[in-house]
Amino acid sequence: IAPAGENLDEDGWADVGTGTVDWAGLTAAL
């Protein structure tokens, strides 16, 4: 998920690892 107000042309999504989701922590949890 992109930071608020960014990547509006992509519906607010982001490339993995460039947004606000803690993928390092969530990958470890999964």
PDB file of all heavy atoms in Angstrom:
ATOM      1  N   ILE A   1       0.848  -1.188   0.000  1.00  0.00           N
ATOM      2  CA  ILE A   1       0.000   0.000   0.000  1.00  0.00           C
ATOM      3  C   ILE A   1       0.883   1.238   0.000  1.00  0.00           C
ATOM      4  O   ILE A   1       1.783   1.380   0.842  1.00  0.00           O
ATOM      5  CB  ILE A   1      -0.919   0.014   1.233  1.00  0.00           C
ATOM      6  CG1 ILE A   1      -1.817  -1.238   1.248  1.00  0.00           C
ATOM      7  CG2 ILE A   1      -1.760   1.283   1.266  1.00  0.00           C
ATOM      8  CD1 ILE A   1      -2.614  -1.402   2.531  1.00  0.00           C
ATOM      9  N   ALA A   2       0.647   2.123  -0.948  1.00  0.00           N
ATOM     10  CA  ALA A   2       1.426   3.357  -1.029  1.00  0.00           C
ATOM     11  C   ALA A   2       1.070   4.292   0.126  1.00  0.00           C
ATOM     12  O   ALA A   2      -0.027   4.229   0.688  1.00  0.00           O
ATOM     13  CB  ALA A   2       1.158   4.045  -2.368  1.00  0.00           C
ATOM     14  N   PRO A   3       1.979   5.181   0.488  1.00  0.00           N
ATOM     15  CA  PRO A   3       1.637   6.199   1.489  1.00  0.00           C
ATOM     16  C   PRO A   3       0.425   7.012   1.023  1.00  0.00           C
ATOM     17  O   PRO A   3       0.177   7.144  -0.181  1.00  0.00           O
ATOM     18  CB  PRO A   3       2.900   7.062   1.548  1.00  0.00           C
ATOM     19  CG  PRO A   3       4.008   6.161   1.104  1.00  0.00           C
ATOM     20  CD  PRO A   3       3.393   5.274   0.060  1.00  0.00           C
ATOM     21  N   ALA A   4      -0.325   7.539   1.974  1.00  0.00           N
ATOM     22  CA  ALA A   4      -1.546   8.291   1.666  1.00  0.00           C
ATOM     23  C   ALA A   4      -1.261   9.388   0.646  1.00  0.00           C
ATOM     24  O   ALA A   4      -0.302  10.153   0.780  1.00  0.00           O
ATOM     25  CB  ALA A   4      -2.115   8.902   2.943  1.00  0.00           C
ATOM     26  N   GLY A   5      -2.087   9.416  -0.385  1.00  0.00           N
ATOM     27  CA  GLY A   5      -1.968  10.434  -1.406  1.00  0.00           C
ATOM     28  C   GLY A   5      -1.021  10.106  -2.539  1.00  0.00           C
ATOM     29  O   GLY A   5      -0.939  10.854  -3.517  1.00  0.00           O
ATOM     30  N   GLU A   6      -0.303   8.990  -2.444  1.00  0.00           N
ATOM     31  CA  GLU A   6       0.648   8.621  -3.488  1.00  0.00           C
ATOM     32  C   GLU A   6       0.095   7.491  -4.362  1.00  0.00           C
ATOM     33  O   GLU A   6      -0.814   6.767  -3.956  1.00  0.00           O
ATOM     34  CB  GLU A   6       1.992   8.195  -2.870  1.00  0.00           C
ATOM     35  CG  GLU A   6       2.699   9.305  -2.111  1.00  0.00           C
ATOM     36  CD  GLU A   6       4.070   8.898  -1.621  1.00  0.00           C
ATOM     37  OE1 GLU A   6       4.594   7.864  -2.086  1.00  0.00           O
ATOM     38  OE2 GLU A   6       4.615   9.616  -0.755  1.00  0.00           O
ATOM     39  N   ASN A   7       0.648   7.369  -5.564  1.00  0.00           N
ATOM     40  CA  ASN A   7       0.283   6.302  -6.513  1.00  0.00           C
ATOM     41  C   ASN A   7      -1.214   6.261  -6.782  1.00  0.00           C
ATOM     42  O   ASN A   7      -1.816   5.190  -6.900  1.00  0.00           O
ATOM     43  CB  ASN A   7       0.756   4.934  -6.008  1.00  0.00           C
ATOM     44  CG  ASN A   7       2.258   4.800  -5.961  1.00  0.00           C
ATOM     45  OD1 ASN A   7       2.985   5.763  -6.156  1.00  0.00           O
ATOM     46  ND2 ASN A   7       2.730   3.603  -5.680  1.00  0.00           N
ATOM     47  N   LEU A   8      -1.822   7.434  -6.895  1.00  0.00           N
ATOM     48  CA  LEU A   8      -3.263   7.470  -7.122  1.00  0.00           C
ATOM     49  C   LEU A   8      -3.637   6.861  -8.467  1.00  0.00           C
ATOM     50  O   LEU A   8      -4.738   6.312  -8.623  1.00  0.00           O
ATOM     51  CB  LEU A   8      -3.764   8.917  -7.036  1.00  0.00           C
ATOM     52  CG  LEU A   8      -3.561   9.596  -5.678  1.00  0.00           C
ATOM     53  CD1 LEU A   8      -4.141  11.009  -5.702  1.00  0.00           C
ATOM     54  CD2 LEU A   8      -4.176   8.772  -4.548  1.00  0.00           C
ATOM     55  N   ASP A   9      -2.716   6.925  -9.446  1.00  0.00           N
ATOM     56  CA  ASP A   9      -2.988   6.309 -10.742  1.00  0.00           C
ATOM     57  C   ASP A   9      -2.923   4.784 -10.674  1.00  0.00           C
ATOM     58  O   ASP A   9      -3.308   4.099 -11.615  1.00  0.00           O
ATOM     59  CB  ASP A   9      -2.004   6.814 -11.799  1.00  0.00           C
ATOM     60  CG  ASP A   9      -0.558   6.457 -11.472  1.00  0.00           C
ATOM     61  OD1 ASP A   9      -0.211   6.395 -10.275  1.00  0.00           O
ATOM     62  OD2 ASP A   9       0.219   6.225 -12.420  1.00  0.00           O
ATOM     63  N   GLU A  10      -2.448   4.261  -9.543  1.00  0.00           N
ATOM     64  CA  GLU A  10      -2.382   2.818  -9.321  1.00  0.00           C
ATOM     65  C   GLU A  10      -3.305   2.409  -8.169  1.00  0.00           C
ATOM     66  O   GLU A  10      -3.073   1.402  -7.495  1.00  0.00           O
ATOM     67  CB  GLU A  10      -0.948   2.388  -9.039  1.00  0.00           C
ATOM     68  CG  GLU A  10      -0.009   2.628 -10.213  1.00  0.00           C
ATOM     69  CD  GLU A  10       1.391   2.069  -9.967  1.00  0.00           C
ATOM     70  OE1 GLU A  10       2.079   2.585  -9.066  1.00  0.00           O
ATOM     71  OE2 GLU A  10       1.766   1.127 -10.657  1.00  0.00           O
ATOM     72  N   ASP A  11      -4.344   3.213  -7.953  1.00  0.00           N
ATOM     73  CA  ASP A  11      -5.337   2.946  -6.902  1.00  0.00           C
ATOM     74  C   ASP A  11      -4.727   2.880  -5.509  1.00  0.00           C
ATOM     75  O   ASP A  11      -5.273   2.221  -4.611  1.00  0.00           O
ATOM     76  CB  ASP A  11      -6.106   1.652  -7.195  1.00  0.00           C
ATOM     77  CG  ASP A  11      -6.865   1.719  -8.517  1.00  0.00           C
ATOM     78  OD1 ASP A  11      -7.183   2.835  -8.966  1.00  0.00           O
ATOM     79  OD2 ASP A  11      -7.136   0.653  -9.111  1.00  0.00           O
ATOM     80  N   GLY A  12      -3.595   3.559  -5.342  1.00  0.00           N
ATOM     81  CA  GLY A  12      -2.980   3.597  -4.022  1.00  0.00           C
ATOM     82  C   GLY A  12      -2.159   2.376  -3.661  1.00  0.00           C
ATOM     83  O   GLY A  12      -1.692   2.261  -2.525  1.00  0.00           O
ATOM     84  N   TRP A  13      -1.940   1.466  -4.612  1.00  0.00           N
ATOM     85  CA  TRP A  13      -1.089   0.302  -4.361  1.00  0.00           C
ATOM     86  C   TRP A  13       0.355   0.653  -4.681  1.00  0.00           C
ATOM     87  O   TRP A  13       0.641   1.672  -5.320  1.00  0.00           O
ATOM     88  CB  TRP A  13      -1.544  -0.892  -5.196  1.00  0.00           C
ATOM     89  CG  TRP A  13      -2.959  -1.307  -4.980  1.00  0.00           C
ATOM     90  CD1 TRP A  13      -3.991  -1.234  -5.873  1.00  0.00           C
ATOM     91  CD2 TRP A  13      -3.523  -1.877  -3.783  1.00  0.00           C
ATOM     92  NE1 TRP A  13      -5.148  -1.711  -5.320  1.00  0.00           N
ATOM     93  CE2 TRP A  13      -4.902  -2.120  -4.037  1.00  0.00           C
ATOM     94  CE3 TRP A  13      -3.008  -2.203  -2.537  1.00  0.00           C
ATOM     95  CZ2 TRP A  13      -5.754  -2.668  -3.085  1.00  0.00           C
ATOM     96  CZ3 TRP A  13      -3.863  -2.755  -1.582  1.00  0.00           C
ATOM     97  CH2 TRP A  13      -5.215  -2.981  -1.865  1.00  0.00           C
ATOM     98  N   ALA A  14       1.269  -0.219  -4.253  1.00  0.00           N
ATOM     99  CA  ALA A  14       2.692   0.018  -4.481  1.00  0.00           C
ATOM    100  C   ALA A  14       3.386  -1.295  -4.794  1.00  0.00           C
ATOM    101  O   ALA A  14       2.871  -2.379  -4.498  1.00  0.00           O
ATOM    102  CB  ALA A  14       3.326   0.658  -3.241  1.00  0.00           C
ATOM    103  N   ASP A  15       4.560  -1.203  -5.390  1.00  0.00           N
ATOM    104  CA  ASP A  15       5.382  -2.396  -5.573  1.00  0.00           C
ATOM    105  C   ASP A  15       5.743  -2.941  -4.192  1.00  0.00           C
ATOM    106  O   ASP A  15       5.953  -2.180  -3.238  1.00  0.00           O
ATOM    107  CB  ASP A  15       6.655  -2.063  -6.344  1.00  0.00           C
ATOM    108  CG  ASP A  15       6.365  -1.549  -7.752  1.00  0.00           C
ATOM    109  OD1 ASP A  15       5.226  -1.716  -8.224  1.00  0.00           O
ATOM    110  OD2 ASP A  15       7.292  -0.991  -8.361  1.00  0.00           O
ATOM    111  N   VAL A  16       5.837  -4.244  -4.088  1.00  0.00           N
ATOM    112  CA  VAL A  16       6.140  -4.871  -2.803  1.00  0.00           C
ATOM    113  C   VAL A  16       7.479  -4.340  -2.271  1.00  0.00           C
ATOM    114  O   VAL A  16       8.478  -4.270  -2.994  1.00  0.00           O
ATOM    115  CB  VAL A  16       6.194  -6.399  -2.950  1.00  0.00           C
ATOM    116  CG1 VAL A  16       6.661  -7.050  -1.645  1.00  0.00           C
ATOM    117  CG2 VAL A  16       4.829  -6.933  -3.363  1.00  0.00           C
ATOM    118  N   GLY A  17       7.458  -3.932  -1.022  1.00  0.00           N
ATOM    119  CA  GLY A  17       8.673  -3.438  -0.387  1.00  0.00           C
ATOM    120  C   GLY A  17       8.895  -1.953  -0.534  1.00  0.00           C
ATOM    121  O   GLY A  17       9.869  -1.419   0.009  1.00  0.00           O
ATOM    122  N   THR A  18       7.998  -1.261  -1.247  1.00  0.00           N
ATOM    123  CA  THR A  18       8.154   0.187  -1.420  1.00  0.00           C
ATOM    124  C   THR A  18       7.045   0.966  -0.731  1.00  0.00           C
ATOM    125  O   THR A  18       7.042   2.200  -0.787  1.00  0.00           O
ATOM    126  CB  THR A  18       8.161   0.573  -2.915  1.00  0.00           C
ATOM    127  OG1 THR A  18       6.853   0.349  -3.471  1.00  0.00           O
ATOM    128  CG2 THR A  18       9.190  -0.246  -3.688  1.00  0.00           C
ATOM    129  N   GLY A  19       6.110   0.267  -0.096  1.00  0.00           N
ATOM    130  CA  GLY A  19       4.964   0.922   0.516  1.00  0.00           C
ATOM    131  C   GLY A  19       5.009   0.898   2.028  1.00  0.00           C
ATOM    132  O   GLY A  19       6.084   0.868   2.649  1.00  0.00           O
ATOM    133  N   THR A  20       3.834   0.882   2.620  1.00  0.00           N
ATOM    134  CA  THR A  20       3.701   1.028   4.075  1.00  0.00           C
ATOM    135  C   THR A  20       3.507  -0.284   4.820  1.00  0.00           C
ATOM    136  O   THR A  20       3.501  -0.297   6.048  1.00  0.00           O
ATOM    137  CB  THR A  20       2.505   1.948   4.387  1.00  0.00           C
ATOM    138  OG1 THR A  20       1.305   1.350   3.872  1.00  0.00           O
ATOM    139  CG2 THR A  20       2.696   3.322   3.759  1.00  0.00           C
ATOM    140  N   VAL A  21       3.333  -1.375   4.110  1.00  0.00           N
ATOM    141  CA  VAL A  21       3.095  -2.663   4.759  1.00  0.00           C
ATOM    142  C   VAL A  21       4.420  -3.233   5.270  1.00  0.00           C
ATOM    143  O   VAL A  21       5.429  -3.240   4.553  1.00  0.00           O
ATOM    144  CB  VAL A  21       2.426  -3.657   3.786  1.00  0.00           C
ATOM    145  CG1 VAL A  21       2.215  -5.014   4.464  1.00  0.00           C
ATOM    146  CG2 VAL A  21       1.085  -3.102   3.301  1.00  0.00           C
ATOM    147  N   ASP A  22       4.414  -3.729   6.503  1.00  0.00           N
ATOM    148  CA  ASP A  22       5.618  -4.312   7.108  1.00  0.00           C
ATOM    149  C   ASP A  22       5.808  -5.732   6.580  1.00  0.00           C
ATOM    150  O   ASP A  22       5.559  -6.722   7.269  1.00  0.00           O
ATOM    151  CB  ASP A  22       5.481  -4.323   8.634  1.00  0.00           C
ATOM    152  CG  ASP A  22       6.637  -5.035   9.316  1.00  0.00           C
ATOM    153  OD1 ASP A  22       7.720  -5.162   8.694  1.00  0.00           O
ATOM    154  OD2 ASP A  22       6.454  -5.495  10.467  1.00  0.00           O
ATOM    155  N   TRP A  23       6.283  -5.825   5.340  1.00  0.00           N
ATOM    156  CA  TRP A  23       6.392  -7.151   4.748  1.00  0.00           C
ATOM    157  C   TRP A  23       7.502  -7.992   5.359  1.00  0.00           C
ATOM    158  O   TRP A  23       7.406  -9.227   5.374  1.00  0.00           O
ATOM    159  CB  TRP A  23       6.528  -7.054   3.229  1.00  0.00           C
ATOM    160  CG  TRP A  23       5.172  -7.084   2.604  1.00  0.00           C
ATOM    161  CD1 TRP A  23       4.534  -6.093   1.936  1.00  0.00           C
ATOM    162  CD2 TRP A  23       4.248  -8.182   2.666  1.00  0.00           C
ATOM    163  NE1 TRP A  23       3.264  -6.491   1.562  1.00  0.00           N
ATOM    164  CE2 TRP A  23       3.068  -7.775   2.006  1.00  0.00           C
ATOM    165  CE3 TRP A  23       4.285  -9.455   3.221  1.00  0.00           C
ATOM    166  CZ2 TRP A  23       1.961  -8.593   1.880  1.00  0.00           C
ATOM    167  CZ3 TRP A  23       3.186 -10.274   3.102  1.00  0.00           C
ATOM    168  CH2 TRP A  23       2.047  -9.853   2.436  1.00  0.00           C
ATOM    169  N   ALA A  24       8.524  -7.388   5.875  1.00  0.00           N
ATOM    170  CA  ALA A  24       9.563  -8.177   6.538  1.00  0.00           C
ATOM    171  C   ALA A  24       8.974  -8.902   7.750  1.00  0.00           C
ATOM    172  O   ALA A  24       9.151 -10.119   7.922  1.00  0.00           O
ATOM    173  CB  ALA A  24      10.723  -7.279   6.954  1.00  0.00           C
ATOM    174  N   GLY A  25       8.240  -8.159   8.583  1.00  0.00           N
ATOM    175  CA  GLY A  25       7.638  -8.772   9.766  1.00  0.00           C
ATOM    176  C   GLY A  25       6.531  -9.750   9.430  1.00  0.00           C
ATOM    177  O   GLY A  25       6.427 -10.828  10.030  1.00  0.00           O
ATOM    178  N   LEU A  26       5.701  -9.412   8.454  1.00  0.00           N
ATOM    179  CA  LEU A  26       4.582 -10.281   8.109  1.00  0.00           C
ATOM    180  C   LEU A  26       5.048 -11.548   7.403  1.00  0.00           C
ATOM    181  O   LEU A  26       4.462 -12.625   7.587  1.00  0.00           O
ATOM    182  CB  LEU A  26       3.592  -9.520   7.229  1.00  0.00           C
ATOM    183  CG  LEU A  26       2.816  -8.424   7.964  1.00  0.00           C
ATOM    184  CD1 LEU A  26       2.070  -7.540   6.977  1.00  0.00           C
ATOM    185  CD2 LEU A  26       1.833  -9.035   8.968  1.00  0.00           C
ATOM    186  N   THR A  27       6.098 -11.453   6.610  1.00  0.00           N
ATOM    187  CA  THR A  27       6.647 -12.657   5.986  1.00  0.00           C
ATOM    188  C   THR A  27       7.165 -13.612   7.047  1.00  0.00           C
ATOM    189  O   THR A  27       6.937 -14.825   6.977  1.00  0.00           O
ATOM    190  CB  THR A  27       7.778 -12.288   5.002  1.00  0.00           C
ATOM    191  OG1 THR A  27       7.246 -11.448   3.975  1.00  0.00           O
ATOM    192  CG2 THR A  27       8.373 -13.528   4.366  1.00  0.00           C
ATOM    193  N   ALA A  28       7.850 -13.077   8.035  1.00  0.00           N
ATOM    194  CA  ALA A  28       8.341 -13.916   9.131  1.00  0.00           C
ATOM    195  C   ALA A  28       7.181 -14.571   9.875  1.00  0.00           C
ATOM    196  O   ALA A  28       7.240 -15.763  10.225  1.00  0.00           O
ATOM    197  CB  ALA A  28       9.184 -13.082  10.091  1.00  0.00           C
ATOM    198  N   ALA A  29       6.110 -13.823  10.108  1.00  0.00           N
ATOM    199  CA  ALA A  29       4.945 -14.372  10.801  1.00  0.00           C
ATOM    200  C   ALA A  29       4.271 -15.468   9.972  1.00  0.00           C
ATOM    201  O   ALA A  29       3.861 -16.510  10.509  1.00  0.00           O
ATOM    202  CB  ALA A  29       3.947 -13.263  11.115  1.00  0.00           C
ATOM    203  N   LEU A  30       4.158 -15.248   8.678  1.00  0.00           N
ATOM    204  CA  LEU A  30       3.559 -16.272   7.817  1.00  0.00           C
ATOM    205  C   LEU A  30       4.397 -17.539   7.814  1.00  0.00           C
ATOM    206  O   LEU A  30       3.857 -18.654   7.867  1.00  0.00           O
ATOM    207  CB  LEU A  30       3.394 -15.729   6.394  1.00  0.00           C
ATOM    208  CG  LEU A  30       2.213 -14.776   6.201  1.00  0.00           C
ATOM    209  CD1 LEU A  30       2.395 -13.936   4.937  1.00  0.00           C
ATOM    210  CD2 LEU A  30       0.892 -15.548   6.140  1.00  0.00           C
TER     211      LEU A  30
END
